């Protein structure tokens, strides 16, 4: 990234790099753990996973040809273009049930 780029150009570069890293994880990982400090599912996870999967599909042929060139590599994995089909686990730190707020309010 260049120092003199604007905010949105830097943000675009970061999102592109994030998508590339996530696509790499979709090819090589068995499990992906998403940890969120809140209690609600962030819809940006769906968007990021969708973009990463689209990138993985576009690169499948190139990855498959590289994997087929590896000696004694399982053919089924090479055809699929990835080493594993990852499982996703989403962990939320806060639970959905809220404590009774009226008991926590100060009497004015």
PDB file of N, CA and C in Angstrom:
ATOM      1  N   UNK A   1       0.828  -1.187   0.000  1.00  0.00           N
ATOM      2  CA  UNK A   1       0.000   0.000   0.000  1.00  0.00           C
ATOM      3  C   UNK A   1       0.872   1.250   0.000  1.00  0.00           C
ATOM      4  N   UNK A   2       0.484   2.203  -0.775  1.00  0.00           N
ATOM      5  CA  UNK A   2       1.214   3.456  -0.814  1.00  0.00           C
ATOM      6  C   UNK A   2       0.763   4.346   0.330  1.00  0.00           C
ATOM      7  N   UNK A   3       1.665   5.195   0.766  1.00  0.00           N
ATOM      8  CA  UNK A   3       1.364   6.088   1.881  1.00  0.00           C
ATOM      9  C   UNK A   3       0.346   7.140   1.475  1.00  0.00           C
ATOM     10  N   UNK A   4       0.381   7.584   0.226  1.00  0.00           N
ATOM     11  CA  UNK A   4      -0.431   8.710  -0.196  1.00  0.00           C
ATOM     12  C   UNK A   4      -1.783   8.308  -0.772  1.00  0.00           C
ATOM     13  N   UNK A   5      -2.147   7.051  -0.647  1.00  0.00           N
ATOM     14  CA  UNK A   5      -3.468   6.647  -1.114  1.00  0.00           C
ATOM     15  C   UNK A   5      -4.522   7.213  -0.172  1.00  0.00           C
ATOM     16  N   UNK A   6      -5.712   7.377  -0.710  1.00  0.00           N
ATOM     17  CA  UNK A   6      -6.803   7.844   0.109  1.00  0.00           C
ATOM     18  C   UNK A   6      -7.364   6.737   0.979  1.00  0.00           C
ATOM     19  N   UNK A   7      -8.261   7.123   1.851  1.00  0.00           N
ATOM     20  CA  UNK A   7      -8.863   6.179   2.789  1.00  0.00           C
ATOM     21  C   UNK A   7      -9.555   5.036   2.070  1.00  0.00           C
ATOM     22  N   UNK A   8     -10.370   5.341   1.070  1.00  0.00           N
ATOM     23  CA  UNK A   8     -11.148   4.311   0.398  1.00  0.00           C
ATOM     24  C   UNK A   8     -10.279   3.388  -0.453  1.00  0.00           C
ATOM     25  N   UNK A   9      -9.197   3.909  -1.018  1.00  0.00           N
ATOM     26  CA  UNK A   9      -8.267   3.057  -1.752  1.00  0.00           C
ATOM     27  C   UNK A   9      -7.584   2.075  -0.802  1.00  0.00           C
ATOM     28  N   UNK A  10      -7.173   2.570   0.375  1.00  0.00           N
ATOM     29  CA  UNK A  10      -6.570   1.688   1.372  1.00  0.00           C
ATOM     30  C   UNK A  10      -7.567   0.646   1.861  1.00  0.00           C
ATOM     31  N   UNK A  11      -8.794   1.061   2.080  1.00  0.00           N
ATOM     32  CA  UNK A  11      -9.834   0.130   2.522  1.00  0.00           C
ATOM     33  C   UNK A  11     -10.082  -0.944   1.471  1.00  0.00           C
ATOM     34  N   UNK A  12     -10.098  -0.561   0.210  1.00  0.00           N
ATOM     35  CA  UNK A  12     -10.279  -1.520  -0.876  1.00  0.00           C
ATOM     36  C   UNK A  12      -9.123  -2.515  -0.932  1.00  0.00           C
ATOM     37  N   UNK A  13      -7.897  -2.026  -0.755  1.00  0.00           N
ATOM     38  CA  UNK A  13      -6.725  -2.910  -0.745  1.00  0.00           C
ATOM     39  C   UNK A  13      -6.790  -3.898   0.415  1.00  0.00           C
ATOM     40  N   UNK A  14      -7.211  -3.428   1.563  1.00  0.00           N
ATOM     41  CA  UNK A  14      -7.313  -4.295   2.738  1.00  0.00           C
ATOM     42  C   UNK A  14      -8.388  -5.350   2.531  1.00  0.00           C
ATOM     43  N   UNK A  15      -9.536  -4.963   1.963  1.00  0.00           N
ATOM     44  CA  UNK A  15     -10.605  -5.933   1.698  1.00  0.00           C
ATOM     45  C   UNK A  15     -10.165  -6.981   0.679  1.00  0.00           C
ATOM     46  N   UNK A  16      -9.411  -6.561  -0.334  1.00  0.00           N
ATOM     47  CA  UNK A  16      -8.896  -7.504  -1.329  1.00  0.00           C
ATOM     48  C   UNK A  16      -7.940  -8.495  -0.684  1.00  0.00           C
ATOM     49  N   UNK A  17      -7.046  -8.008   0.150  1.00  0.00           N
ATOM     50  CA  UNK A  17      -6.103  -8.887   0.847  1.00  0.00           C
ATOM     51  C   UNK A  17      -6.838  -9.835   1.796  1.00  0.00           C
ATOM     52  N   UNK A  18      -7.857  -9.336   2.463  1.00  0.00           N
ATOM     53  CA  UNK A  18      -8.668 -10.173   3.361  1.00  0.00           C
ATOM     54  C   UNK A  18      -9.360 -11.284   2.576  1.00  0.00           C
ATOM     55  N   UNK A  19      -9.889 -10.965   1.404  1.00  0.00           N
ATOM     56  CA  UNK A  19     -10.550 -11.966   0.566  1.00  0.00           C
ATOM     57  C   UNK A  19      -9.556 -13.023   0.101  1.00  0.00           C
ATOM     58  N   UNK A  20      -8.366 -12.607  -0.285  1.00  0.00           N
ATOM     59  CA  UNK A  20      -7.335 -13.563  -0.713  1.00  0.00           C
ATOM     60  C   UNK A  20      -6.946 -14.505   0.425  1.00  0.00           C
ATOM     61  N   UNK A  21      -6.764 -13.958   1.603  1.00  0.00           N
ATOM     62  CA  UNK A  21      -6.397 -14.793   2.758  1.00  0.00           C
ATOM     63  C   UNK A  21      -7.514 -15.767   3.104  1.00  0.00           C
ATOM     64  N   UNK A  22      -8.748 -15.303   3.053  1.00  0.00           N
ATOM     65  CA  UNK A  22      -9.881 -16.179   3.350  1.00  0.00           C
ATOM     66  C   UNK A  22     -10.027 -17.265   2.291  1.00  0.00           C
ATOM     67  N   UNK A  23      -9.777 -16.937   1.027  1.00  0.00           N
ATOM     68  CA  UNK A  23      -9.817 -17.949  -0.036  1.00  0.00           C
ATOM     69  C   UNK A  23      -8.729 -18.996   0.181  1.00  0.00           C
ATOM     70  N   UNK A  24      -7.559 -18.570   0.619  1.00  0.00           N
ATOM     71  CA  UNK A  24      -6.485 -19.512   0.946  1.00  0.00           C
ATOM     72  C   UNK A  24      -6.931 -20.465   2.050  1.00  0.00           C
ATOM     73  N   UNK A  25      -7.581 -19.918   3.072  1.00  0.00           N
ATOM     74  CA  UNK A  25      -8.058 -20.763   4.170  1.00  0.00           C
ATOM     75  C   UNK A  25      -9.134 -21.738   3.706  1.00  0.00           C
ATOM     76  N   UNK A  26      -9.967 -21.326   2.750  1.00  0.00           N
ATOM     77  CA  UNK A  26     -11.000 -22.225   2.227  1.00  0.00           C
ATOM     78  C   UNK A  26     -10.389 -23.401   1.472  1.00  0.00           C
ATOM     79  N   UNK A  27      -9.196 -23.221   0.931  1.00  0.00           N
ATOM     80  CA  UNK A  27      -8.527 -24.293   0.189  1.00  0.00           C
ATOM     81  C   UNK A  27      -7.780 -25.238   1.132  1.00  0.00           C
ATOM     82  N   UNK A  28      -7.163 -24.714   2.179  1.00  0.00           N
ATOM     83  CA  UNK A  28      -6.228 -25.498   2.985  1.00  0.00           C
ATOM     84  C   UNK A  28      -6.711 -25.869   4.386  1.00  0.00           C
ATOM     85  N   UNK A  29      -7.817 -25.338   4.858  1.00  0.00           N
ATOM     86  CA  UNK A  29      -8.215 -25.559   6.250  1.00  0.00           C
ATOM     87  C   UNK A  29      -9.308 -26.602   6.390  1.00  0.00           C
ATOM     88  N   UNK A  30      -9.281 -27.273   7.517  1.00  0.00           N
ATOM     89  CA  UNK A  30     -10.338 -28.217   7.866  1.00  0.00           C
ATOM     90  C   UNK A  30     -11.430 -27.540   8.683  1.00  0.00           C
ATOM     91  N   UNK A  31     -11.065 -26.535   9.458  1.00  0.00           N
ATOM     92  CA  UNK A  31     -12.037 -25.837  10.303  1.00  0.00           C
ATOM     93  C   UNK A  31     -11.669 -24.360  10.366  1.00  0.00           C
ATOM     94  N   UNK A  32     -12.695 -23.523  10.358  1.00  0.00           N
ATOM     95  CA  UNK A  32     -12.510 -22.084  10.511  1.00  0.00           C
ATOM     96  C   UNK A  32     -13.353 -21.626  11.692  1.00  0.00           C
ATOM     97  N   UNK A  33     -12.746 -20.895  12.588  1.00  0.00           N
ATOM     98  CA  UNK A  33     -13.413 -20.408  13.786  1.00  0.00           C
ATOM     99  C   UNK A  33     -13.548 -18.896  13.684  1.00  0.00           C
ATOM    100  N   UNK A  34     -14.773 -18.416  13.733  1.00  0.00           N
ATOM    101  CA  UNK A  34     -15.053 -16.983  13.722  1.00  0.00           C
ATOM    102  C   UNK A  34     -15.486 -16.600  15.133  1.00  0.00           C
ATOM    103  N   UNK A  35     -14.768 -15.683  15.756  1.00  0.00           N
ATOM    104  CA  UNK A  35     -15.081 -15.254  17.115  1.00  0.00           C
ATOM    105  C   UNK A  35     -15.543 -13.808  17.057  1.00  0.00           C
ATOM    106  N   UNK A  36     -16.696 -13.551  17.671  1.00  0.00           N
ATOM    107  CA  UNK A  36     -17.267 -12.214  17.676  1.00  0.00           C
ATOM    108  C   UNK A  36     -17.516 -11.806  19.120  1.00  0.00           C
ATOM    109  N   UNK A  37     -17.160 -10.584  19.505  1.00  0.00           N
ATOM    110  CA  UNK A  37     -17.355 -10.176  20.896  1.00  0.00           C
ATOM    111  C   UNK A  37     -18.820  -9.941  21.258  1.00  0.00           C
ATOM    112  N   UNK A  38     -19.670  -9.798  20.266  1.00  0.00           N
ATOM    113  CA  UNK A  38     -21.079  -9.542  20.539  1.00  0.00           C
ATOM    114  C   UNK A  38     -21.903 -10.807  20.573  1.00  0.00           C
ATOM    115  N   UNK A  39     -23.197 -10.641  20.350  1.00  0.00           N
ATOM    116  CA  UNK A  39     -24.097 -11.794  20.378  1.00  0.00           C
ATOM    117  C   UNK A  39     -24.904 -11.916  19.090  1.00  0.00           C
ATOM    118  N   UNK A  40     -24.575 -11.118  18.095  1.00  0.00           N
ATOM    119  CA  UNK A  40     -25.318 -11.153  16.836  1.00  0.00           C
ATOM    120  C   UNK A  40     -24.391 -11.517  15.683  1.00  0.00           C
ATOM    121  N   UNK A  41     -24.950 -12.239  14.716  1.00  0.00           N
ATOM    122  CA  UNK A  41     -24.192 -12.634  13.533  1.00  0.00           C
ATOM    123  C   UNK A  41     -23.993 -11.424  12.637  1.00  0.00           C
ATOM    124  N   UNK A  42     -22.760 -11.147  12.296  1.00  0.00           N
ATOM    125  CA  UNK A  42     -22.424 -10.018  11.438  1.00  0.00           C
ATOM    126  C   UNK A  42     -22.589 -10.439   9.978  1.00  0.00           C
ATOM    127  N   UNK A  43     -23.436  -9.741   9.240  1.00  0.00           N
ATOM    128  CA  UNK A  43     -23.706 -10.087   7.847  1.00  0.00           C
ATOM    129  C   UNK A  43     -22.483  -9.914   6.953  1.00  0.00           C
ATOM    130  N   UNK A  44     -21.499  -9.171   7.412  1.00  0.00           N
ATOM    131  CA  UNK A  44     -20.289  -9.014   6.600  1.00  0.00           C
ATOM    132  C   UNK A  44     -19.535 -10.339   6.472  1.00  0.00           C
ATOM    133  N   UNK A  45     -19.740 -11.277   7.423  1.00  0.00           N
ATOM    134  CA  UNK A  45     -19.143 -12.607   7.285  1.00  0.00           C
ATOM    135  C   UNK A  45     -19.669 -13.289   6.028  1.00  0.00           C
ATOM    136  N   UNK A  46     -20.960 -13.181   5.787  1.00  0.00           N
ATOM    137  CA  UNK A  46     -21.556 -13.800   4.590  1.00  0.00           C
ATOM    138  C   UNK A  46     -20.959 -13.213   3.321  1.00  0.00           C
ATOM    139  N   UNK A  47     -20.845 -11.897   3.292  1.00  0.00           N
ATOM    140  CA  UNK A  47     -20.290 -11.229   2.110  1.00  0.00           C
ATOM    141  C   UNK A  47     -18.836 -11.634   1.893  1.00  0.00           C
ATOM    142  N   UNK A  48     -18.054 -11.658   2.973  1.00  0.00           N
ATOM    143  CA  UNK A  48     -16.637 -12.026   2.859  1.00  0.00           C
ATOM    144  C   UNK A  48     -16.479 -13.474   2.409  1.00  0.00           C
ATOM    145  N   UNK A  49     -17.281 -14.377   2.958  1.00  0.00           N
ATOM    146  CA  UNK A  49     -17.204 -15.785   2.563  1.00  0.00           C
ATOM    147  C   UNK A  49     -17.653 -15.987   1.123  1.00  0.00           C
ATOM    148  N   UNK A  50     -18.658 -15.229   0.704  1.00  0.00           N
ATOM    149  CA  UNK A  50     -19.136 -15.328  -0.681  1.00  0.00           C
ATOM    150  C   UNK A  50     -18.042 -14.890  -1.657  1.00  0.00           C
ATOM    151  N   UNK A  51     -17.398 -13.757  -1.384  1.00  0.00           N
ATOM    152  CA  UNK A  51     -16.329 -13.265  -2.260  1.00  0.00           C
ATOM    153  C   UNK A  51     -15.136 -14.221  -2.270  1.00  0.00           C
ATOM    154  N   UNK A  52     -14.795 -14.760  -1.104  1.00  0.00           N
ATOM    155  CA  UNK A  52     -13.668 -15.698  -1.032  1.00  0.00           C
ATOM    156  C   UNK A  52     -13.981 -16.979  -1.793  1.00  0.00           C
ATOM    157  N   UNK A  53     -15.218 -17.465  -1.699  1.00  0.00           N
ATOM    158  CA  UNK A  53     -15.591 -18.677  -2.424  1.00  0.00           C
ATOM    159  C   UNK A  53     -15.597 -18.431  -3.931  1.00  0.00           C
ATOM    160  N   UNK A  54     -16.046 -17.260  -4.365  1.00  0.00           N
ATOM    161  CA  UNK A  54     -16.010 -16.925  -5.791  1.00  0.00           C
ATOM    162  C   UNK A  54     -14.570 -16.902  -6.299  1.00  0.00           C
ATOM    163  N   UNK A  55     -13.663 -16.342  -5.508  1.00  0.00           N
ATOM    164  CA  UNK A  55     -12.248 -16.326  -5.887  1.00  0.00           C
ATOM    165  C   UNK A  55     -11.693 -17.746  -5.937  1.00  0.00           C
ATOM    166  N   UNK A  56     -12.043 -18.568  -4.964  1.00  0.00           N
ATOM    167  CA  UNK A  56     -11.583 -19.962  -4.937  1.00  0.00           C
ATOM    168  C   UNK A  56     -12.067 -20.722  -6.164  1.00  0.00           C
ATOM    169  N   UNK A  57     -13.310 -20.501  -6.560  1.00  0.00           N
ATOM    170  CA  UNK A  57     -13.863 -21.179  -7.739  1.00  0.00           C
ATOM    171  C   UNK A  57     -13.155 -20.717  -9.011  1.00  0.00           C
ATOM    172  N   UNK A  58     -12.873 -19.403  -9.108  1.00  0.00           N
ATOM    173  CA  UNK A  58     -12.163 -18.891 -10.285  1.00  0.00           C
ATOM    174  C   UNK A  58     -10.761 -19.482 -10.398  1.00  0.00           C
ATOM    175  N   UNK A  59     -10.126 -19.749  -9.269  1.00  0.00           N
ATOM    176  CA  UNK A  59      -8.754 -20.260  -9.267  1.00  0.00           C
ATOM    177  C   UNK A  59      -8.684 -21.780  -9.187  1.00  0.00           C
ATOM    178  N   UNK A  60      -9.825 -22.449  -9.183  1.00  0.00           N
ATOM    179  CA  UNK A  60      -9.855 -23.902  -9.000  1.00  0.00           C
ATOM    180  C   UNK A  60      -9.018 -24.637 -10.042  1.00  0.00           C
ATOM    181  N   UNK A  61      -9.140 -24.249 -11.306  1.00  0.00           N
ATOM    182  CA  UNK A  61      -8.391 -24.936 -12.370  1.00  0.00           C
ATOM    183  C   UNK A  61      -6.885 -24.811 -12.163  1.00  0.00           C
ATOM    184  N   UNK A  62      -6.425 -23.624 -11.816  1.00  0.00           N
ATOM    185  CA  UNK A  62      -4.993 -23.420 -11.589  1.00  0.00           C
ATOM    186  C   UNK A  62      -4.511 -24.227 -10.390  1.00  0.00           C
ATOM    187  N   UNK A  63      -5.291 -24.221  -9.328  1.00  0.00           N
ATOM    188  CA  UNK A  63      -4.916 -24.975  -8.130  1.00  0.00           C
ATOM    189  C   UNK A  63      -4.921 -26.465  -8.426  1.00  0.00           C
ATOM    190  N   UNK A  64      -5.934 -26.925  -9.166  1.00  0.00           N
ATOM    191  CA  UNK A  64      -6.020 -28.351  -9.506  1.00  0.00           C
ATOM    192  C   UNK A  64      -4.818 -28.804 -10.321  1.00  0.00           C
ATOM    193  N   UNK A  65      -4.412 -27.995 -11.286  1.00  0.00           N
ATOM    194  CA  UNK A  65      -3.257 -28.388 -12.106  1.00  0.00           C
ATOM    195  C   UNK A  65      -1.980 -28.453 -11.272  1.00  0.00           C
ATOM    196  N   UNK A  66      -1.832 -27.540 -10.324  1.00  0.00           N
ATOM    197  CA  UNK A  66      -0.652 -27.573  -9.445  1.00  0.00           C
ATOM    198  C   UNK A  66      -0.689 -28.801  -8.539  1.00  0.00           C
ATOM    199  N   UNK A  67      -1.871 -29.137  -8.020  1.00  0.00           N
ATOM    200  CA  UNK A  67      -1.983 -30.292  -7.128  1.00  0.00           C
ATOM    201  C   UNK A  67      -1.789 -31.607  -7.878  1.00  0.00           C
ATOM    202  N   UNK A  68      -2.256 -31.671  -9.130  1.00  0.00           N
ATOM    203  CA  UNK A  68      -2.075 -32.889  -9.923  1.00  0.00           C
ATOM    204  C   UNK A  68      -0.605 -33.138 -10.238  1.00  0.00           C
ATOM    205  N   UNK A  69       0.188 -32.078 -10.275  1.00  0.00           N
ATOM    206  CA  UNK A  69       1.615 -32.218 -10.564  1.00  0.00           C
ATOM    207  C   UNK A  69       2.395 -32.793  -9.384  1.00  0.00           C
ATOM    208  N   UNK A  70       1.789 -32.772  -8.196  1.00  0.00           N
ATOM    209  CA  UNK A  70       2.457 -33.310  -7.007  1.00  0.00           C
ATOM    210  C   UNK A  70       2.396 -34.833  -7.051  1.00  0.00           C
ATOM    211  N   UNK A  71       3.531 -35.468  -6.866  1.00  0.00           N
ATOM    212  CA  UNK A  71       3.608 -36.929  -6.925  1.00  0.00           C
ATOM    213  C   UNK A  71       2.868 -37.551  -5.736  1.00  0.00           C
ATOM    214  N   UNK A  72       2.123 -38.618  -5.990  1.00  0.00           N
ATOM    215  CA  UNK A  72       1.365 -39.371  -4.980  1.00  0.00           C
ATOM    216  C   UNK A  72       0.299 -38.528  -4.277  1.00  0.00           C
ATOM    217  N   UNK A  73      -0.189 -37.506  -4.939  1.00  0.00           N
ATOM    218  CA  UNK A  73      -1.252 -36.684  -4.359  1.00  0.00           C
ATOM    219  C   UNK A  73      -2.591 -37.307  -4.721  1.00  0.00           C
ATOM    220  N   UNK A  74      -3.539 -37.412  -3.780  1.00  0.00           N
ATOM    221  CA  UNK A  74      -4.838 -38.029  -4.079  1.00  0.00           C
ATOM    222  C   UNK A  74      -5.569 -37.309  -5.216  1.00  0.00           C
ATOM    223  N   UNK A  75      -6.025 -38.072  -6.184  1.00  0.00           N
ATOM    224  CA  UNK A  75      -6.672 -37.503  -7.371  1.00  0.00           C
ATOM    225  C   UNK A  75      -7.958 -36.756  -7.008  1.00  0.00           C
ATOM    226  N   UNK A  76      -8.731 -37.290  -6.082  1.00  0.00           N
ATOM    227  CA  UNK A  76      -9.999 -36.649  -5.702  1.00  0.00           C
ATOM    228  C   UNK A  76      -9.765 -35.252  -5.137  1.00  0.00           C
ATOM    229  N   UNK A  77      -8.714 -35.082  -4.361  1.00  0.00           N
ATOM    230  CA  UNK A  77      -8.412 -33.769  -3.813  1.00  0.00           C
ATOM    231  C   UNK A  77      -7.962 -32.811  -4.903  1.00  0.00           C
ATOM    232  N   UNK A  78      -7.189 -33.320  -5.852  1.00  0.00           N
ATOM    233  CA  UNK A  78      -6.705 -32.474  -6.942  1.00  0.00           C
ATOM    234  C   UNK A  78      -7.858 -32.006  -7.817  1.00  0.00           C
ATOM    235  N   UNK A  79      -8.816 -32.899  -8.085  1.00  0.00           N
ATOM    236  CA  UNK A  79      -9.972 -32.529  -8.905  1.00  0.00           C
ATOM    237  C   UNK A  79     -10.792 -31.446  -8.213  1.00  0.00           C
ATOM    238  N   UNK A  80     -10.977 -31.589  -6.911  1.00  0.00           N
ATOM    239  CA  UNK A  80     -11.752 -30.602  -6.146  1.00  0.00           C
ATOM    240  C   UNK A  80     -11.018 -29.268  -6.046  1.00  0.00           C
ATOM    241  N   UNK A  81      -9.707 -29.301  -6.106  1.00  0.00           N
ATOM    242  CA  UNK A  81      -8.929 -28.066  -6.053  1.00  0.00           C
ATOM    243  C   UNK A  81      -8.718 -27.541  -4.655  1.00  0.00           C
ATOM    244  N   UNK A  82      -8.844 -28.423  -3.678  1.00  0.00           N
ATOM    245  CA  UNK A  82      -8.565 -28.036  -2.297  1.00  0.00           C
ATOM    246  C   UNK A  82      -8.252 -29.270  -1.470  1.00  0.00           C
ATOM    247  N   UNK A  83      -7.584 -29.036  -0.372  1.00  0.00           N
ATOM    248  CA  UNK A  83      -7.151 -30.137   0.472  1.00  0.00           C
ATOM    249  C   UNK A  83      -8.229 -30.586   1.448  1.00  0.00           C
ATOM    250  N   UNK A  84      -9.160 -29.718   1.750  1.00  0.00           N
ATOM    251  CA  UNK A  84     -10.199 -30.045   2.723  1.00  0.00           C
ATOM    252  C   UNK A  84     -11.440 -29.216   2.435  1.00  0.00           C
ATOM    253  N   UNK A  85     -12.562 -29.687   2.932  1.00  0.00           N
ATOM    254  CA  UNK A  85     -13.788 -28.897   2.897  1.00  0.00           C
ATOM    255  C   UNK A  85     -14.004 -28.378   4.309  1.00  0.00           C
ATOM    256  N   UNK A  86     -13.764 -27.096   4.514  1.00  0.00           N
ATOM    257  CA  UNK A  86     -13.759 -26.587   5.885  1.00  0.00           C
ATOM    258  C   UNK A  86     -15.143 -26.574   6.525  1.00  0.00           C
ATOM    259  N   UNK A  87     -15.142 -26.738   7.828  1.00  0.00           N
ATOM    260  CA  UNK A  87     -16.335 -26.585   8.655  1.00  0.00           C
ATOM    261  C   UNK A  87     -16.196 -25.242   9.359  1.00  0.00           C
ATOM    262  N   UNK A  88     -17.304 -24.578   9.535  1.00  0.00           N
ATOM    263  CA  UNK A  88     -17.291 -23.255  10.147  1.00  0.00           C
ATOM    264  C   UNK A  88     -17.896 -23.318  11.541  1.00  0.00           C
ATOM    265  N   UNK A  89     -17.265 -22.635  12.464  1.00  0.00           N
ATOM    266  CA  UNK A  89     -17.777 -22.513  13.818  1.00  0.00           C
ATOM    267  C   UNK A  89     -17.796 -21.034  14.159  1.00  0.00           C
ATOM    268  N   UNK A  90     -18.955 -20.559  14.571  1.00  0.00           N
ATOM    269  CA  UNK A  90     -19.112 -19.161  14.948  1.00  0.00           C
ATOM    270  C   UNK A  90     -19.282 -19.103  16.462  1.00  0.00           C
ATOM    271  N   UNK A  91     -18.411 -18.370  17.138  1.00  0.00           N
ATOM    272  CA  UNK A  91     -18.455 -18.252  18.591  1.00  0.00           C
ATOM    273  C   UNK A  91     -18.776 -16.809  18.962  1.00  0.00           C
ATOM    274  N   UNK A  92     -19.726 -16.665  19.881  1.00  0.00           N
ATOM    275  CA  UNK A  92     -20.142 -15.342  20.343  1.00  0.00           C
ATOM    276  C   UNK A  92     -19.871 -15.250  21.844  1.00  0.00           C
ATOM    277  N   UNK A  93     -19.236 -14.170  22.270  1.00  0.00           N
ATOM    278  CA  UNK A  93     -18.869 -14.031  23.677  1.00  0.00           C
ATOM    279  C   UNK A  93     -20.069 -13.729  24.565  1.00  0.00           C
ATOM    280  N   UNK A  94     -20.987 -12.932  24.093  1.00  0.00           N
ATOM    281  CA  UNK A  94     -22.159 -12.593  24.909  1.00  0.00           C
ATOM    282  C   UNK A  94     -23.320 -13.470  24.498  1.00  0.00           C
ATOM    283  N   UNK A  95     -24.137 -13.827  25.456  1.00  0.00           N
ATOM    284  CA  UNK A  95     -25.306 -14.645  25.152  1.00  0.00           C
ATOM    285  C   UNK A  95     -26.472 -13.752  24.734  1.00  0.00           C
ATOM    286  N   UNK A  96     -27.486 -14.340  24.135  1.00  0.00           N
ATOM    287  CA  UNK A  96     -28.619 -13.573  23.621  1.00  0.00           C
ATOM    288  C   UNK A  96     -29.564 -13.102  24.717  1.00  0.00           C
ATOM    289  N   UNK A  97     -29.640 -13.814  25.824  1.00  0.00           N
ATOM    290  CA  UNK A  97     -30.554 -13.431  26.892  1.00  0.00           C
ATOM    291  C   UNK A  97     -29.983 -12.255  27.660  1.00  0.00           C
ATOM    292  N   UNK A  98     -30.772 -11.222  27.789  1.00  0.00           N
ATOM    293  CA  UNK A  98     -30.330 -10.030  28.496  1.00  0.00           C
ATOM    294  C   UNK A  98     -30.794 -10.102  29.938  1.00  0.00           C
ATOM    295  N   UNK A  99     -30.002  -9.550  30.809  1.00  0.00           N
ATOM    296  CA  UNK A  99     -30.420  -9.487  32.209  1.00  0.00           C
ATOM    297  C   UNK A  99     -31.524  -8.457  32.335  1.00  0.00           C
ATOM    298  N   UNK A 100     -32.293  -8.556  33.376  1.00  0.00           N
ATOM    299  CA  UNK A 100     -33.387  -7.620  33.600  1.00  0.00           C
ATOM    300  C   UNK A 100     -32.801  -6.231  33.820  1.00  0.00           C
ATOM    301  N   UNK A 101     -33.022  -5.344  32.856  1.00  0.00           N
ATOM    302  CA  UNK A 101     -32.433  -4.009  32.916  1.00  0.00           C
ATOM    303  C   UNK A 101     -33.026  -3.166  34.032  1.00  0.00           C
ATOM    304  N   UNK A 102     -34.284  -3.423  34.401  1.00  0.00           N
ATOM    305  CA  UNK A 102     -34.911  -2.609  35.441  1.00  0.00           C
ATOM    306  C   UNK A 102     -34.218  -2.807  36.786  1.00  0.00           C
ATOM    307  N   UNK A 103     -33.658  -3.971  37.028  1.00  0.00           N
ATOM    308  CA  UNK A 103     -32.971  -4.203  38.301  1.00  0.00           C
ATOM    309  C   UNK A 103     -31.601  -3.532  38.325  1.00  0.00           C
ATOM    310  N   UNK A 104     -31.083  -3.171  37.176  1.00  0.00           N
ATOM    311  CA  UNK A 104     -29.766  -2.548  37.116  1.00  0.00           C
ATOM    312  C   UNK A 104     -29.820  -1.022  37.076  1.00  0.00           C
ATOM    313  N   UNK A 105     -30.981  -0.470  36.812  1.00  0.00           N
ATOM    314  CA  UNK A 105     -31.098   0.993  36.704  1.00  0.00           C
ATOM    315  C   UNK A 105     -31.063   1.635  38.087  1.00  0.00           C
ATOM    316  N   UNK A 106     -30.448   2.784  38.121  1.00  0.00           N
ATOM    317  CA  UNK A 106     -30.429   3.537  39.378  1.00  0.00           C
ATOM    318  C   UNK A 106     -31.737   4.296  39.523  1.00  0.00           C
ATOM    319  N   UNK A 107     -32.167   4.419  40.724  1.00  0.00           N
ATOM    320  CA  UNK A 107     -33.386   5.184  40.999  1.00  0.00           C
ATOM    321  C   UNK A 107     -33.005   6.648  41.045  1.00  0.00           C
ATOM    322  N   UNK A 108     -33.679   7.454  40.228  1.00  0.00           N
ATOM    323  CA  UNK A 108     -33.349   8.881  40.172  1.00  0.00           C
ATOM    324  C   UNK A 108     -34.249   9.676  41.071  1.00  0.00           C
TER     325      UNK A 108
END
